[in-house]
N, C-alpha and C. Protein backbone atom coordinates (compact mmCIF):
# COMPACT_ATOMS: atom_id res chain seq x y z
N UNK A 1 -235.34 47.50 -149.00
CA UNK A 1 -235.20 48.82 -148.74
C UNK A 1 -235.00 49.64 -148.86
N UNK A 2 -235.57 50.51 -147.87
CA UNK A 2 -236.02 51.95 -147.72
C UNK A 2 -234.46 51.59 -146.08
N UNK A 3 -234.02 50.22 -146.00
CA UNK A 3 -233.31 50.68 -144.44
C UNK A 3 -232.15 50.65 -145.27
N UNK A 4 -231.27 49.82 -146.38
CA UNK A 4 -230.49 50.48 -146.82
C UNK A 4 -230.14 51.60 -147.31
N UNK A 5 -231.30 52.23 -148.54
CA UNK A 5 -231.38 53.79 -148.46
C UNK A 5 -230.87 54.69 -147.66
N UNK A 6 -231.47 54.12 -145.93
CA UNK A 6 -231.72 55.15 -145.81
C UNK A 6 -229.62 54.49 -144.92
N UNK A 7 -229.14 53.84 -145.18
CA UNK A 7 -227.49 53.48 -143.84
C UNK A 7 -227.15 54.47 -145.39
N UNK A 8 -227.44 54.40 -146.42
CA UNK A 8 -226.19 54.99 -147.76
C UNK A 8 -226.54 56.40 -147.77
N UNK A 9 -227.74 56.85 -147.34
CA UNK A 9 -227.48 58.51 -146.83
C UNK A 9 -226.95 59.16 -145.90
N UNK A 10 -226.73 58.11 -144.98
CA UNK A 10 -226.02 58.35 -142.97
C UNK A 10 -224.80 57.99 -143.99
N UNK A 11 -223.85 57.45 -144.92
CA UNK A 11 -223.07 57.42 -144.23
C UNK A 11 -222.05 58.32 -146.13
N UNK A 12 -223.20 58.76 -146.64
CA UNK A 12 -222.86 60.01 -147.25
C UNK A 12 -222.35 61.32 -146.81
N UNK A 13 -222.61 61.84 -146.02
CA UNK A 13 -221.77 63.23 -145.05
C UNK A 13 -220.55 62.68 -144.93
N UNK A 14 -219.69 60.99 -144.30
CA UNK A 14 -218.43 60.59 -143.84
C UNK A 14 -218.34 60.25 -144.86
N UNK A 15 -218.09 60.31 -146.29
CA UNK A 15 -218.22 59.74 -147.41
C UNK A 15 -217.94 61.16 -148.22
N UNK A 16 -218.06 62.17 -147.82
CA UNK A 16 -217.82 63.36 -148.72
C UNK A 16 -216.89 63.86 -148.25
N UNK A 17 -216.86 63.79 -146.32
CA UNK A 17 -215.44 63.84 -145.79
C UNK A 17 -214.36 62.98 -146.26
N UNK A 18 -214.04 62.17 -146.68
CA UNK A 18 -213.08 61.27 -146.73
C UNK A 18 -212.58 61.81 -148.69
N UNK A 19 -213.64 62.29 -149.13
CA UNK A 19 -213.50 62.59 -150.32
C UNK A 19 -212.44 63.59 -150.59
N UNK A 20 -212.72 65.52 -149.81
CA UNK A 20 -212.77 66.54 -149.62
C UNK A 20 -211.19 66.13 -148.84
N UNK A 21 -211.15 65.84 -148.16
CA UNK A 21 -209.85 65.72 -147.25
C UNK A 21 -208.61 64.77 -148.31
N UNK A 22 -209.06 63.52 -149.32
CA UNK A 22 -208.56 63.39 -150.36
C UNK A 22 -207.74 63.56 -150.96
N UNK A 23 -208.84 64.95 -151.92
CA UNK A 23 -208.23 65.86 -152.63
C UNK A 23 -207.71 67.15 -152.20
N UNK A 24 -207.85 67.09 -151.06
CA UNK A 24 -206.99 68.46 -150.35
C UNK A 24 -205.67 68.08 -150.40
N UNK A 25 -205.42 66.75 -149.86
CA UNK A 25 -204.02 66.12 -149.93
C UNK A 25 -203.60 65.53 -150.91
N UNK A 26 -204.59 65.46 -152.34
CA UNK A 26 -203.96 65.45 -153.03
C UNK A 26 -202.81 66.95 -153.47
N UNK A 27 -204.17 67.47 -153.64
CA UNK A 27 -203.73 69.40 -154.08
C UNK A 27 -202.43 69.20 -153.46
N UNK A 28 -202.42 69.36 -152.35
CA UNK A 28 -201.36 70.03 -151.28
C UNK A 28 -199.80 68.56 -152.27
N UNK A 29 -199.76 67.13 -152.39
CA UNK A 29 -198.88 67.26 -153.43
C UNK A 29 -198.27 67.77 -154.70
N UNK A 30 -199.23 67.72 -155.29
CA UNK A 30 -199.14 68.28 -156.55
C UNK A 30 -198.60 69.66 -156.87
N UNK A 31 -198.69 70.72 -155.99
CA UNK A 31 -198.51 71.45 -155.04
C UNK A 31 -197.02 71.79 -154.89
N UNK A 32 -196.88 71.39 -153.83
CA UNK A 32 -195.87 70.71 -153.62
C UNK A 32 -194.34 70.10 -154.61
N UNK A 33 -195.20 69.76 -155.06
CA UNK A 33 -194.21 68.67 -156.75
C UNK A 33 -193.92 69.50 -157.42
N UNK A 34 -195.05 70.48 -158.19
CA UNK A 34 -194.39 71.66 -159.00
C UNK A 34 -193.65 72.67 -158.15
N UNK A 35 -193.18 73.14 -156.64
CA UNK A 35 -193.32 73.59 -156.02
C UNK A 35 -191.59 73.85 -156.25
N UNK A 36 -190.92 72.41 -155.73
CA UNK A 36 -190.36 71.95 -156.21
C UNK A 36 -189.64 71.37 -156.85
N UNK A 37 -190.00 71.20 -158.34
CA UNK A 37 -189.19 70.97 -160.00
C UNK A 37 -189.29 72.48 -160.11
N UNK A 38 -189.71 73.68 -159.67
CA UNK A 38 -189.27 74.93 -159.81
C UNK A 38 -187.73 75.41 -159.01
N UNK A 39 -187.87 74.58 -158.08
CA UNK A 39 -186.61 75.32 -156.56
C UNK A 39 -185.55 73.78 -157.25
N UNK A 40 -185.68 72.91 -158.19
CA UNK A 40 -184.12 71.65 -157.79
C UNK A 40 -183.74 71.99 -158.37
N UNK A 41 -183.57 73.21 -159.89
CA UNK A 41 -182.52 74.11 -160.12
C UNK A 41 -181.30 74.80 -158.81
N UNK A 42 -181.82 75.37 -158.67
CA UNK A 42 -181.61 76.25 -157.74
C UNK A 42 -180.63 75.72 -156.77
N UNK A 43 -181.96 75.28 -156.47
CA UNK A 43 -181.31 74.38 -154.96
C UNK A 43 -179.67 73.35 -155.26
N UNK A 44 -180.27 73.13 -156.21
CA UNK A 44 -178.85 71.58 -157.09
C UNK A 44 -177.58 72.52 -157.28
N UNK A 45 -177.37 73.61 -157.60
CA UNK A 45 -176.58 75.01 -158.00
C UNK A 45 -176.23 75.25 -156.72
N UNK A 46 -176.43 75.66 -155.42
CA UNK A 46 -176.12 75.93 -154.18
C UNK A 46 -175.81 74.47 -153.32
N UNK A 47 -176.00 73.15 -153.56
CA UNK A 47 -175.94 72.35 -153.50
C UNK A 47 -174.06 72.04 -154.08
N UNK A 48 -174.25 71.77 -154.81
CA UNK A 48 -172.96 72.00 -155.74
C UNK A 48 -171.81 73.27 -155.57
N UNK A 49 -172.31 73.96 -155.83
CA UNK A 49 -171.35 74.95 -154.63
C UNK A 49 -170.38 75.25 -153.55
N UNK A 50 -171.22 74.66 -152.73
CA UNK A 50 -171.13 74.85 -151.48
C UNK A 50 -170.89 72.95 -151.27
N UNK A 51 -171.02 72.00 -151.74
CA UNK A 51 -169.87 70.94 -151.28
C UNK A 51 -169.33 70.63 -152.63
N UNK A 52 -169.13 71.17 -153.49
CA UNK A 52 -168.69 70.94 -154.23
C UNK A 52 -168.70 69.22 -155.47
N UNK A 53 -169.83 69.54 -155.59
CA UNK A 53 -170.38 68.02 -155.87
C UNK A 53 -170.26 68.08 -157.53
N UNK A 54 -169.94 67.36 -158.41
CA UNK A 54 -170.28 67.60 -160.16
C UNK A 54 -168.65 68.12 -160.17
N UNK A 55 -167.76 68.69 -159.38
CA UNK A 55 -166.26 68.53 -159.77
C UNK A 55 -166.88 71.03 -160.05
N UNK A 56 -167.83 70.78 -159.18
CA UNK A 56 -167.72 72.73 -159.01
C UNK A 56 -166.85 72.62 -158.24
N UNK A 57 -166.42 74.08 -158.61
CA UNK A 57 -165.41 74.79 -157.79
C UNK A 57 -166.07 76.49 -156.84
N UNK A 58 -165.25 76.23 -156.04
CA UNK A 58 -165.54 77.76 -155.08
C UNK A 58 -165.36 78.33 -155.06
N UNK A 59 -165.60 79.46 -154.55
CA UNK A 59 -165.07 81.11 -155.35
C UNK A 59 -164.60 81.22 -153.73
N UNK A 60 -162.98 82.28 -153.66
CA UNK A 60 -162.54 82.44 -152.27
C UNK A 60 -162.67 83.99 -152.51
N UNK A 61 -162.39 84.71 -151.17
CA UNK A 61 -162.76 86.20 -151.21
C UNK A 61 -161.20 86.48 -151.14
N UNK A 62 -159.97 85.71 -151.14
CA UNK A 62 -158.38 86.15 -150.96
C UNK A 62 -157.72 84.66 -151.37
N UNK A 63 -156.47 84.65 -151.41
CA UNK A 63 -155.60 84.24 -151.17
C UNK A 63 -155.26 83.17 -150.11
N UNK A 64 -154.74 82.24 -151.09
CA UNK A 64 -153.82 80.85 -149.39
C UNK A 64 -153.03 81.90 -148.99
N UNK A 65 -153.17 81.01 -147.55
CA UNK A 65 -152.29 81.42 -146.55
C UNK A 65 -151.20 80.93 -146.65
N UNK A 66 -150.57 79.92 -147.19
CA UNK A 66 -149.59 78.59 -147.06
C UNK A 66 -149.45 78.20 -148.45
N UNK A 67 -148.19 77.94 -149.04
CA UNK A 67 -148.11 77.11 -150.39
C UNK A 67 -147.28 75.33 -149.77
N UNK A 68 -147.80 74.59 -150.47
CA UNK A 68 -147.24 73.47 -149.66
C UNK A 68 -146.23 72.91 -151.05
N UNK A 69 -145.30 72.87 -151.14
CA UNK A 69 -144.04 72.37 -151.44
C UNK A 69 -143.56 71.12 -151.64
N UNK A 70 -143.66 70.91 -152.56
CA UNK A 70 -142.99 69.32 -153.48
C UNK A 70 -144.38 68.22 -153.60
N UNK A 71 -145.96 68.75 -154.16
CA UNK A 71 -147.49 68.82 -154.25
C UNK A 71 -147.57 69.24 -155.67
N UNK A 72 -146.84 69.37 -156.73
CA UNK A 72 -147.10 69.42 -157.96
C UNK A 72 -148.11 68.95 -158.54
N UNK A 73 -149.01 70.11 -159.00
CA UNK A 73 -150.31 69.74 -159.99
C UNK A 73 -150.77 70.48 -160.68
N UNK A 74 -150.12 69.99 -162.15
CA UNK A 74 -150.61 70.54 -163.23
C UNK A 74 -152.16 70.45 -163.84
N UNK A 75 -152.62 71.57 -163.99
CA UNK A 75 -153.39 72.19 -164.41
C UNK A 75 -153.88 72.36 -166.16
N UNK A 76 -154.89 71.63 -166.40
CA UNK A 76 -155.10 71.92 -167.97
C UNK A 76 -156.38 72.57 -168.25
N UNK A 77 -156.69 73.08 -169.22
CA UNK A 77 -157.38 73.79 -169.47
C UNK A 77 -158.31 73.91 -171.06
N UNK A 78 -159.92 73.59 -170.81
CA UNK A 78 -160.71 72.70 -171.96
C UNK A 78 -161.87 74.24 -171.82
N UNK A 79 -161.84 74.18 -173.31
CA UNK A 79 -162.81 75.06 -172.91
C UNK A 79 -164.38 74.31 -174.61
N UNK A 80 -165.27 74.44 -174.22
CA UNK A 80 -166.80 74.20 -175.21
C UNK A 80 -167.34 75.51 -175.51
N UNK A 81 -168.03 75.10 -177.23
CA UNK A 81 -169.57 76.10 -177.06
C UNK A 81 -170.68 75.49 -177.36
N UNK A 82 -171.13 76.23 -177.20
CA UNK A 82 -172.21 75.32 -177.34
C UNK A 82 -173.38 75.87 -179.07
N UNK A 83 -173.57 74.79 -179.49
CA UNK A 83 -173.81 75.60 -181.19
C UNK A 83 -174.46 76.87 -181.87
N UNK A 84 -174.94 76.55 -180.52
CA UNK A 84 -176.19 78.42 -181.21
C UNK A 84 -175.36 79.98 -180.42
N UNK A 85 -174.53 79.48 -180.38
CA UNK A 85 -173.04 80.49 -180.55
C UNK A 85 -172.38 81.09 -180.37
N UNK A 86 -172.58 81.03 -181.68
CA UNK A 86 -171.18 81.78 -182.49
C UNK A 86 -170.15 82.16 -182.44
N UNK A 87 -169.25 81.74 -181.64
CA UNK A 87 -168.08 82.60 -180.60
C UNK A 87 -167.14 81.24 -181.37
N UNK A 88 -166.09 81.74 -181.10
CA UNK A 88 -164.42 80.92 -180.86
C UNK A 88 -164.36 81.62 -179.47
N UNK A 89 -163.38 80.51 -178.49
CA UNK A 89 -163.47 80.38 -177.69
C UNK A 89 -162.52 79.46 -177.59
N UNK A 90 -161.09 79.93 -176.85
CA UNK A 90 -160.26 78.86 -176.05
C UNK A 90 -159.40 79.29 -175.76
N UNK A 91 -158.63 78.69 -174.31
CA UNK A 91 -157.81 78.98 -173.91
C UNK A 91 -156.27 79.21 -174.47
N UNK A 92 -155.96 80.43 -173.88
CA UNK A 92 -154.63 81.43 -174.54
C UNK A 92 -153.87 80.71 -173.18
N UNK A 93 -153.74 80.27 -172.79
CA UNK A 93 -152.88 80.15 -171.00
C UNK A 93 -152.58 78.59 -171.53
N UNK A 94 -151.63 78.18 -171.68
CA UNK A 94 -151.25 77.04 -171.31
C UNK A 94 -150.93 75.96 -170.54
N UNK A 95 -150.99 74.56 -170.27
CA UNK A 95 -151.48 74.72 -169.12
C UNK A 95 -150.19 74.99 -168.02
N UNK A 96 -150.00 75.06 -166.86
CA UNK A 96 -149.55 75.33 -165.49
C UNK A 96 -149.24 74.29 -164.53
N UNK A 97 -148.08 73.78 -164.13
CA UNK A 97 -148.15 72.74 -162.69
C UNK A 97 -147.78 74.04 -161.69
N UNK A 98 -148.49 73.68 -160.88
CA UNK A 98 -148.62 75.10 -159.45
C UNK A 98 -148.75 74.13 -158.16
N UNK A 99 -148.32 74.40 -157.54
CA UNK A 99 -148.19 73.78 -155.74
C UNK A 99 -149.12 74.54 -155.07
N UNK A 100 -149.82 73.70 -154.34
CA UNK A 100 -151.26 73.68 -153.80
C UNK A 100 -151.09 75.17 -152.51
N UNK A 101 -151.79 75.70 -153.01
CA UNK A 101 -151.93 77.80 -152.95
C UNK A 101 -151.40 78.75 -153.61
N UNK A 102 -150.50 78.08 -154.64
CA UNK A 102 -149.73 79.20 -155.16
C UNK A 102 -151.18 79.62 -156.62
N UNK A 103 -150.96 80.99 -156.02
CA UNK A 103 -151.94 81.71 -157.28
C UNK A 103 -151.64 81.58 -158.52
N UNK A 104 -152.73 81.78 -159.40
CA UNK A 104 -152.01 81.21 -160.84
C UNK A 104 -153.19 82.52 -161.60
N UNK A 105 -153.41 83.10 -163.20
CA UNK A 105 -153.99 83.50 -164.08
C UNK A 105 -154.08 82.79 -164.69
N UNK A 106 -154.86 82.60 -165.20
CA UNK A 106 -155.03 81.98 -166.52
C UNK A 106 -155.89 82.78 -168.22
N UNK A 107 -155.90 82.24 -168.80
CA UNK A 107 -156.51 83.71 -170.31
C UNK A 107 -157.49 82.94 -171.00
N UNK A 108 -158.40 83.22 -171.34
CA UNK A 108 -159.25 82.20 -172.44
C UNK A 108 -159.80 83.92 -172.89
N UNK A 109 -159.74 83.22 -174.54
CA UNK A 109 -159.86 84.49 -175.07
C UNK A 109 -161.72 83.87 -176.17
N UNK A 110 -162.27 84.61 -175.84
CA UNK A 110 -163.75 85.02 -176.67
C UNK A 110 -163.58 86.12 -177.85
N UNK A 111 -164.56 84.97 -178.86
CA UNK A 111 -164.54 86.51 -180.07
C UNK A 111 -165.81 85.86 -180.93
N UNK A 112 -166.88 87.04 -180.83
CA UNK A 112 -167.59 86.85 -181.77
C UNK A 112 -168.03 86.45 -182.64
N UNK A 113 -168.15 85.37 -183.47
CA UNK A 113 -167.82 85.24 -185.14
C UNK A 113 -168.89 85.62 -185.96
N UNK A 114 -170.47 85.88 -185.57
CA UNK A 114 -171.49 86.49 -186.17
C UNK A 114 -171.05 87.86 -186.40
N UNK A 115 -172.24 88.10 -186.98
CA UNK A 115 -172.97 90.05 -187.33
C UNK A 115 -173.34 90.84 -186.97
N UNK A 116 -174.07 90.00 -184.88
CA UNK A 116 -174.69 90.90 -184.48
C UNK A 116 -174.83 90.12 -183.01
N UNK A 117 -174.81 91.65 -182.17
CA UNK A 117 -174.02 91.11 -180.98
C UNK A 117 -175.10 90.17 -180.32
N UNK A 118 -173.80 89.59 -179.58
CA UNK A 118 -174.55 88.45 -178.99
C UNK A 118 -174.20 87.82 -177.24
N UNK A 119 -174.42 88.09 -176.10
CA UNK A 119 -173.66 87.54 -174.97
C UNK A 119 -173.98 86.21 -174.26
N UNK A 120 -173.07 85.80 -173.89
CA UNK A 120 -173.08 84.23 -173.48
C UNK A 120 -172.78 84.47 -172.33
N UNK A 121 -172.97 83.30 -171.64
CA UNK A 121 -172.88 82.86 -170.10
C UNK A 121 -172.51 81.24 -170.16
N UNK A 122 -171.31 80.98 -169.48
CA UNK A 122 -170.89 80.35 -169.16
C UNK A 122 -170.43 79.06 -168.09
N UNK A 123 -170.99 77.99 -168.37
CA UNK A 123 -170.61 77.10 -166.76
C UNK A 123 -169.59 76.55 -166.86
N UNK A 124 -169.05 75.89 -165.86
CA UNK A 124 -167.34 75.18 -165.50
C UNK A 124 -167.73 74.16 -164.18
N UNK A 125 -166.65 73.16 -164.54
CA UNK A 125 -166.48 72.35 -163.64
C UNK A 125 -164.93 71.43 -164.61
N UNK A 126 -164.42 71.11 -162.48
CA UNK A 126 -163.04 70.15 -162.78
C UNK A 126 -163.19 69.03 -162.54
N UNK A 127 -162.07 68.42 -162.95
CA UNK A 127 -162.29 66.95 -163.23
C UNK A 127 -160.59 66.88 -162.67
N UNK A 128 -160.53 65.80 -162.20
CA UNK A 128 -161.76 65.31 -161.16
C UNK A 128 -162.70 65.33 -160.32
N UNK A 129 -163.83 65.15 -160.54
CA UNK A 129 -164.78 65.35 -159.85
C UNK A 129 -164.46 65.97 -158.17
N UNK A 130 -163.50 65.05 -157.40
CA UNK A 130 -163.37 65.08 -155.86
C UNK A 130 -161.91 66.26 -156.06
N UNK A 131 -161.72 67.25 -156.94
CA UNK A 131 -160.65 68.00 -156.82
C UNK A 131 -161.68 69.13 -156.23
N UNK A 132 -162.89 69.79 -156.74
CA UNK A 132 -163.24 70.76 -157.03
C UNK A 132 -164.40 71.14 -156.01
N UNK A 133 -163.92 70.78 -154.88
CA UNK A 133 -164.08 71.70 -153.29
C UNK A 133 -162.43 72.20 -152.96
N UNK A 134 -161.67 72.09 -154.05
CA UNK A 134 -159.97 72.44 -153.29
C UNK A 134 -159.84 73.61 -154.67
N UNK A 135 -160.94 73.47 -155.22
CA UNK A 135 -160.25 74.45 -156.25
C UNK A 135 -160.91 75.80 -156.35
N UNK A 136 -159.87 76.15 -155.58
CA UNK A 136 -161.16 78.37 -155.52
C UNK A 136 -160.26 79.12 -156.29
N UNK A 137 -161.77 80.00 -156.76
CA UNK A 137 -161.99 80.67 -157.85
C UNK A 137 -161.64 81.83 -157.33
N UNK A 138 -161.01 82.82 -157.12
CA UNK A 138 -160.64 84.27 -156.62
C UNK A 138 -161.93 85.46 -157.82
N UNK A 139 -161.36 85.23 -159.45
CA UNK A 139 -161.93 86.27 -160.07
C UNK A 139 -162.57 84.89 -161.57
N UNK A 140 -162.63 85.15 -161.88
CA UNK A 140 -163.92 84.78 -163.04
C UNK A 140 -164.84 85.50 -163.86
N UNK A 141 -164.30 85.14 -164.97
CA UNK A 141 -165.25 85.42 -165.95
C UNK A 141 -166.74 84.15 -166.17
N UNK A 142 -166.53 83.82 -165.71
CA UNK A 142 -168.30 82.73 -165.62
C UNK A 142 -168.96 83.58 -164.17
N UNK A 143 -168.36 84.19 -163.71
CA UNK A 143 -169.09 84.94 -162.65
C UNK A 143 -170.41 85.71 -163.01
N UNK A 144 -170.34 86.38 -164.30
CA UNK A 144 -171.27 87.41 -165.13
C UNK A 144 -171.23 86.91 -166.54
N UNK A 145 -172.46 87.18 -167.05
CA UNK A 145 -172.40 87.33 -168.37
C UNK A 145 -171.92 88.15 -168.97
N UNK A 146 -171.29 87.26 -170.48
CA UNK A 146 -170.07 88.86 -171.25
C UNK A 146 -170.61 88.53 -172.89
N UNK A 147 -171.44 90.01 -172.98
CA UNK A 147 -171.77 90.14 -173.92
C UNK A 147 -170.66 91.16 -174.95
N UNK A 148 -171.03 90.63 -176.27
CA UNK A 148 -169.50 90.95 -177.36
C UNK A 148 -170.33 91.15 -178.61
N UNK A 149 -170.43 92.38 -179.06
CA UNK A 149 -169.96 92.66 -180.57
C UNK A 149 -169.91 92.25 -181.59
N UNK A 150 -170.15 92.65 -182.70
CA UNK A 150 -169.83 91.40 -183.85
C UNK A 150 -168.37 91.18 -184.02
N UNK A 151 -167.65 90.67 -183.96
CA UNK A 151 -166.39 90.19 -184.19
C UNK A 151 -165.78 90.74 -183.05
N UNK A 152 -166.14 91.18 -182.04
CA UNK A 152 -165.46 91.84 -180.99
C UNK A 152 -164.44 90.32 -180.07
N UNK A 153 -163.06 90.35 -180.20
CA UNK A 153 -162.83 89.72 -179.22
C UNK A 153 -162.00 89.87 -177.59
N UNK A 154 -162.02 89.60 -176.19
CA UNK A 154 -162.21 89.24 -175.21
C UNK A 154 -160.91 88.80 -174.66
N UNK A 155 -160.02 89.18 -174.20
CA UNK A 155 -159.50 87.88 -173.30
C UNK A 155 -160.02 87.91 -171.97
N UNK A 156 -160.35 86.97 -171.12
CA UNK A 156 -161.06 87.13 -169.91
C UNK A 156 -160.58 86.00 -168.73
N UNK A 157 -159.85 86.64 -168.03
CA UNK A 157 -158.83 86.48 -167.10
C UNK A 157 -159.61 84.80 -165.33
N UNK A 158 -159.37 83.82 -164.94
CA UNK A 158 -159.24 83.39 -164.32
C UNK A 158 -158.63 83.87 -163.25
N UNK A 159 -158.73 83.57 -161.57
CA UNK A 159 -157.48 83.73 -160.69
C UNK A 159 -157.75 82.86 -160.07
N UNK A 160 -156.93 81.71 -160.02
CA UNK A 160 -156.74 80.76 -158.75
C UNK A 160 -156.25 79.75 -157.87
N UNK A 161 -156.28 79.05 -157.41
CA UNK A 161 -155.38 78.61 -156.27
C UNK A 161 -156.14 76.72 -156.41
N UNK A 162 -155.11 76.10 -155.55
CA UNK A 162 -155.64 74.87 -155.21
C UNK A 162 -155.60 75.02 -153.58
N UNK A 163 -157.02 74.44 -153.31
CA UNK A 163 -156.81 74.83 -151.25
C UNK A 163 -155.38 73.58 -150.82
N UNK A 164 -154.72 74.44 -150.19
CA UNK A 164 -153.79 73.55 -149.69
C UNK A 164 -153.86 72.16 -148.99
N UNK A 165 -155.25 71.82 -148.44
CA UNK A 165 -155.54 70.98 -148.25
C UNK A 165 -156.16 70.16 -149.05
N UNK A 166 -155.31 70.36 -150.47
CA UNK A 166 -155.40 68.85 -151.28
C UNK A 166 -154.88 68.31 -151.09
N UNK A 167 -153.32 68.72 -150.64
CA UNK A 167 -152.17 67.60 -150.78
C UNK A 167 -152.12 66.49 -148.95
N UNK A 168 -153.49 67.41 -148.67
CA UNK A 168 -153.23 66.48 -147.70
C UNK A 168 -154.65 65.30 -147.05
N UNK A 169 -155.53 65.38 -147.69
CA UNK A 169 -157.28 65.28 -148.43
C UNK A 169 -156.58 63.28 -148.79
N UNK A 170 -157.11 62.30 -147.96
CA UNK A 170 -156.93 61.02 -148.76
C UNK A 170 -157.32 60.62 -149.82
N UNK A 171 -158.39 61.38 -150.05
CA UNK A 171 -159.24 61.30 -150.75
C UNK A 171 -158.45 62.02 -151.84
N UNK A 172 -157.54 62.73 -152.09
CA UNK A 172 -156.93 63.77 -153.29
C UNK A 172 -155.18 63.71 -153.09
N UNK A 173 -155.09 63.34 -152.18
CA UNK A 173 -153.43 63.40 -152.22
C UNK A 173 -152.62 62.79 -153.29
N UNK A 174 -152.77 62.30 -153.95
CA UNK A 174 -152.78 61.41 -155.05
C UNK A 174 -152.49 62.45 -156.24
N UNK A 175 -153.40 62.97 -156.04
CA UNK A 175 -154.18 63.98 -157.63
C UNK A 175 -152.69 64.57 -157.41
N UNK A 176 -152.58 64.51 -159.58
CA UNK A 176 -151.01 65.45 -159.73
C UNK A 176 -152.06 65.63 -161.19
N UNK A 177 -153.10 66.15 -161.44
CA UNK A 177 -153.50 66.66 -162.63
C UNK A 177 -155.06 66.61 -162.80
N UNK A 178 -155.44 68.50 -162.72
CA UNK A 178 -156.74 69.16 -162.83
C UNK A 178 -156.70 69.34 -163.98
N UNK A 179 -158.55 69.05 -164.03
CA UNK A 179 -158.98 69.89 -165.74
C UNK A 179 -159.83 70.94 -165.38
N UNK A 180 -159.86 72.14 -165.55
CA UNK A 180 -160.73 73.25 -165.98
C UNK A 180 -161.24 73.07 -166.92
N UNK A 181 -162.60 73.00 -167.43
CA UNK A 181 -162.95 73.04 -168.24
C UNK A 181 -164.13 74.00 -168.03
N UNK A 182 -164.51 74.96 -169.11
CA UNK A 182 -165.35 75.89 -169.57
C UNK A 182 -166.77 75.16 -170.55
N UNK A 183 -167.33 76.11 -170.24
CA UNK A 183 -168.62 75.15 -171.54
C UNK A 183 -169.46 76.80 -172.08
N UNK A 184 -169.72 77.42 -173.11
CA UNK A 184 -170.53 78.56 -173.59
C UNK A 184 -171.72 78.44 -173.51
N UNK A 185 -172.68 79.29 -173.57
CA UNK A 185 -173.89 78.99 -174.16
C UNK A 185 -174.49 80.86 -174.45
N UNK A 186 -175.51 80.94 -175.55
CA UNK A 186 -176.00 82.25 -176.08
C UNK A 186 -176.75 82.69 -174.63
N UNK A 187 -176.74 83.71 -174.45
CA UNK A 187 -177.68 83.54 -173.29
C UNK A 187 -179.43 84.81 -174.01
N UNK A 188 -180.26 83.45 -173.85
CA UNK A 188 -181.62 83.68 -174.65
C UNK A 188 -182.00 85.80 -174.07
N UNK A 189 -182.59 85.92 -175.32
CA UNK A 189 -183.60 87.73 -174.91
C UNK A 189 -184.28 87.01 -174.09
N UNK A 190 -184.94 87.81 -173.02
CA UNK A 190 -186.26 87.99 -172.59
C UNK A 190 -187.25 88.80 -173.58
């Protein structure tokens, strides 16, 4: 018995080291997973903006340098409101037909239907999703939060064009209609 007890006491420091090492590894994995959970939304947003994934549009600093004649694309506008935001929101501009590279200005109107000041923010996408990397916004109400006083209405512009490359990419050459969609959400007070 004393030999077994002696062997157990000799193995105890090794067991303690292994347990400490395992605990440190598990702790690192937990901290890494929590960090990734917090970073996942901004990283996914950045990924979508860079690649156009999920129909995310691009931001352009200037207009296109060429217009592709003979490749008409119809752009329709769509709007939604989250039920928590008591607003009316709709496109004023009718669907437009444009050539890739042609700059267009569309107007959306929002009205605060409540009796309190409300601030909204919008998300956006285009369908078909593969058109996202070619949908270039130069100006958009979606870049900032929109505060509205009770009963106030505002016309909000979006200035955009389709990158001329949409007409030569084998994956998008047959696109003849694109839908630009916005959904407004209430900004939560902090």
